[in-house]
């Protein structure tokens, strides 16, 4: 790999980690302060969307909706977000994504 490719891969990885950290932080905030959900739901959606776009060059709203629908059925996904942000985080994420994808 060239230095330029290495730098691009590192920048992409760093953006991915920052986006995930921001998403987890916002989910934690809503869990601790449910009254903040309306204020943060769009940011939660956008961070999840950005995260997916980084890892999926073929991103589409339809794929995004399918992914969050699978979160409801697969406890591995629920555990991923609930373990990182707190119990109920996955439900908040699903609600936020559906709110903005189904408009």
C-alpha atoms as a PDB file:
ATOM      1  CA  UNK A   1       0.000   0.000   0.000  1.00  0.00           C
ATOM      2  CA  UNK A   2       1.197   3.497  -0.740  1.00  0.00           C
ATOM      3  CA  UNK A   3       1.618   6.134   1.933  1.00  0.00           C
ATOM      4  CA  UNK A   4      -1.319   8.004   0.414  1.00  0.00           C
ATOM      5  CA  UNK A   5      -3.545   4.907   0.650  1.00  0.00           C
ATOM      6  CA  UNK A   6      -2.384   4.267   4.215  1.00  0.00           C
ATOM      7  CA  UNK A   7      -3.207   7.849   5.168  1.00  0.00           C
ATOM      8  CA  UNK A   8      -6.662   7.577   3.544  1.00  0.00           C
ATOM      9  CA  UNK A   9      -7.361   4.306   5.351  1.00  0.00           C
ATOM     10  CA  UNK A  10      -6.244   5.820   8.646  1.00  0.00           C
ATOM     11  CA  UNK A  11      -8.431   8.916   8.117  1.00  0.00           C
ATOM     12  CA  UNK A  12     -11.408   6.717   7.260  1.00  0.00           C
ATOM     13  CA  UNK A  13     -10.841   4.566  10.348  1.00  0.00           C
ATOM     14  CA  UNK A  14     -10.517   7.651  12.574  1.00  0.00           C
ATOM     15  CA  UNK A  15     -13.732   9.117  11.157  1.00  0.00           C
ATOM     16  CA  UNK A  16     -15.483   5.801  11.727  1.00  0.00           C
ATOM     17  CA  UNK A  17     -14.358   5.668  15.373  1.00  0.00           C
ATOM     18  CA  UNK A  18     -15.269   9.323  16.031  1.00  0.00           C
ATOM     19  CA  UNK A  19     -18.701   8.904  14.458  1.00  0.00           C
ATOM     20  CA  UNK A  20     -19.360   5.818  16.570  1.00  0.00           C
ATOM     21  CA  UNK A  21     -18.175   7.588  19.721  1.00  0.00           C
ATOM     22  CA  UNK A  22     -20.493  10.523  18.985  1.00  0.00           C
ATOM     23  CA  UNK A  23     -23.393   8.140  18.364  1.00  0.00           C
ATOM     24  CA  UNK A  24     -22.771   6.279  21.623  1.00  0.00           C
ATOM     25  CA  UNK A  25     -22.433   9.559  23.544  1.00  0.00           C
ATOM     26  CA  UNK A  26     -25.767  10.836  22.191  1.00  0.00           C
ATOM     27  CA  UNK A  27     -27.497   7.540  22.980  1.00  0.00           C
ATOM     28  CA  UNK A  28     -26.092   7.666  26.520  1.00  0.00           C
ATOM     29  CA  UNK A  29     -27.378  11.219  26.886  1.00  0.00           C
ATOM     30  CA  UNK A  30     -30.897  10.202  25.854  1.00  0.00           C
ATOM     31  CA  UNK A  31     -30.837   7.235  28.239  1.00  0.00           C
ATOM     32  CA  UNK A  32     -29.773   9.508  31.111  1.00  0.00           C
ATOM     33  CA  UNK A  33     -31.992  12.417  30.049  1.00  0.00           C
ATOM     34  CA  UNK A  34     -34.993  11.137  28.048  1.00  0.00           C
ATOM     35  CA  UNK A  35     -36.220  14.703  27.593  1.00  0.00           C
ATOM     36  CA  UNK A  36     -33.246  15.217  25.215  1.00  0.00           C
ATOM     37  CA  UNK A  37     -34.480  12.608  22.726  1.00  0.00           C
ATOM     38  CA  UNK A  38     -36.274  15.048  20.417  1.00  0.00           C
ATOM     39  CA  UNK A  39     -33.246  17.319  20.366  1.00  0.00           C
ATOM     40  CA  UNK A  40     -30.761  14.505  19.659  1.00  0.00           C
ATOM     41  CA  UNK A  41     -32.743  12.108  17.460  1.00  0.00           C
ATOM     42  CA  UNK A  42     -31.687  13.726  14.182  1.00  0.00           C
ATOM     43  CA  UNK A  43     -28.037  13.684  15.239  1.00  0.00           C
ATOM     44  CA  UNK A  44     -28.339  10.032  16.256  1.00  0.00           C
ATOM     45  CA  UNK A  45     -29.799   9.230  12.838  1.00  0.00           C
ATOM     46  CA  UNK A  46     -27.126  11.232  11.000  1.00  0.00           C
ATOM     47  CA  UNK A  47     -24.269   9.627  12.937  1.00  0.00           C
ATOM     48  CA  UNK A  48     -25.603   6.148  12.230  1.00  0.00           C
ATOM     49  CA  UNK A  49     -26.071   7.065   8.566  1.00  0.00           C
ATOM     50  CA  UNK A  50     -22.536   8.489   8.343  1.00  0.00           C
ATOM     51  CA  UNK A  51     -21.114   5.383  10.022  1.00  0.00           C
ATOM     52  CA  UNK A  52     -22.883   3.140   7.515  1.00  0.00           C
ATOM     53  CA  UNK A  53     -21.793   5.272   4.552  1.00  0.00           C
ATOM     54  CA  UNK A  54     -18.173   4.924   5.658  1.00  0.00           C
ATOM     55  CA  UNK A  55     -18.339   1.128   5.722  1.00  0.00           C
ATOM     56  CA  UNK A  56     -20.840   0.681   2.860  1.00  0.00           C
ATOM     57  CA  UNK A  57     -20.057   2.377  -0.448  1.00  0.00           C
ATOM     58  CA  UNK A  58     -23.430   1.129  -1.736  1.00  0.00           C
ATOM     59  CA  UNK A  59     -25.398   2.816   1.090  1.00  0.00           C
ATOM     60  CA  UNK A  60     -29.045   3.552   0.435  1.00  0.00           C
ATOM     61  CA  UNK A  61     -31.932   4.546   2.703  1.00  0.00           C
ATOM     62  CA  UNK A  62     -33.563   1.191   1.916  1.00  0.00           C
ATOM     63  CA  UNK A  63     -30.486  -0.705   3.108  1.00  0.00           C
ATOM     64  CA  UNK A  64     -30.305   1.512   6.197  1.00  0.00           C
ATOM     65  CA  UNK A  65     -33.914   0.746   7.074  1.00  0.00           C
ATOM     66  CA  UNK A  66     -33.337  -2.985   6.550  1.00  0.00           C
ATOM     67  CA  UNK A  67     -30.359  -2.879   8.883  1.00  0.00           C
ATOM     68  CA  UNK A  68     -32.215  -1.175  11.719  1.00  0.00           C
ATOM     69  CA  UNK A  69     -35.166  -3.523  11.219  1.00  0.00           C
ATOM     70  CA  UNK A  70     -32.745  -6.398  11.761  1.00  0.00           C
ATOM     71  CA  UNK A  71     -31.644  -4.763  15.029  1.00  0.00           C
ATOM     72  CA  UNK A  72     -35.097  -5.514  16.420  1.00  0.00           C
ATOM     73  CA  UNK A  73     -34.780  -9.212  15.582  1.00  0.00           C
ATOM     74  CA  UNK A  74     -31.135  -9.903  16.372  1.00  0.00           C
ATOM     75  CA  UNK A  75     -30.030  -9.654  19.976  1.00  0.00           C
ATOM     76  CA  UNK A  76     -26.382  -9.349  18.890  1.00  0.00           C
ATOM     77  CA  UNK A  77     -27.160  -5.882  17.509  1.00  0.00           C
ATOM     78  CA  UNK A  78     -29.205  -4.944  20.567  1.00  0.00           C
ATOM     79  CA  UNK A  79     -26.340  -6.087  22.759  1.00  0.00           C
ATOM     80  CA  UNK A  80     -23.813  -4.116  20.721  1.00  0.00           C
ATOM     81  CA  UNK A  81     -25.488  -0.745  21.292  1.00  0.00           C
ATOM     82  CA  UNK A  82     -26.994  -1.538  24.692  1.00  0.00           C
ATOM     83  CA  UNK A  83     -23.598  -2.693  26.003  1.00  0.00           C
ATOM     84  CA  UNK A  84     -21.841   0.416  24.698  1.00  0.00           C
ATOM     85  CA  UNK A  85     -24.450   3.053  25.559  1.00  0.00           C
ATOM     86  CA  UNK A  86     -26.823   1.461  28.060  1.00  0.00           C
ATOM     87  CA  UNK A  87     -29.971  -0.622  28.142  1.00  0.00           C
ATOM     88  CA  UNK A  88     -32.495   0.751  25.674  1.00  0.00           C
ATOM     89  CA  UNK A  89     -29.940   2.395  23.382  1.00  0.00           C
ATOM     90  CA  UNK A  90     -30.829   0.181  20.433  1.00  0.00           C
ATOM     91  CA  UNK A  91     -34.526   1.064  20.742  1.00  0.00           C
ATOM     92  CA  UNK A  92     -33.649   4.759  20.723  1.00  0.00           C
ATOM     93  CA  UNK A  93     -31.430   4.265  17.672  1.00  0.00           C
ATOM     94  CA  UNK A  94     -34.135   2.362  15.785  1.00  0.00           C
ATOM     95  CA  UNK A  95     -36.753   4.987  16.633  1.00  0.00           C
ATOM     96  CA  UNK A  96     -34.471   7.833  15.503  1.00  0.00           C
ATOM     97  CA  UNK A  97     -33.531   6.184  12.225  1.00  0.00           C
ATOM     98  CA  UNK A  98     -37.117   5.291  11.367  1.00  0.00           C
ATOM     99  CA  UNK A  99     -38.265   8.801  12.199  1.00  0.00           C
ATOM    100  CA  UNK A 100     -35.965  10.316   9.558  1.00  0.00           C
ATOM    101  CA  UNK A 101     -35.933   7.551   6.943  1.00  0.00           C
ATOM    102  CA  UNK A 102     -39.696   7.212   6.704  1.00  0.00           C
ATOM    103  CA  UNK A 103     -40.498  10.896   6.273  1.00  0.00           C
END
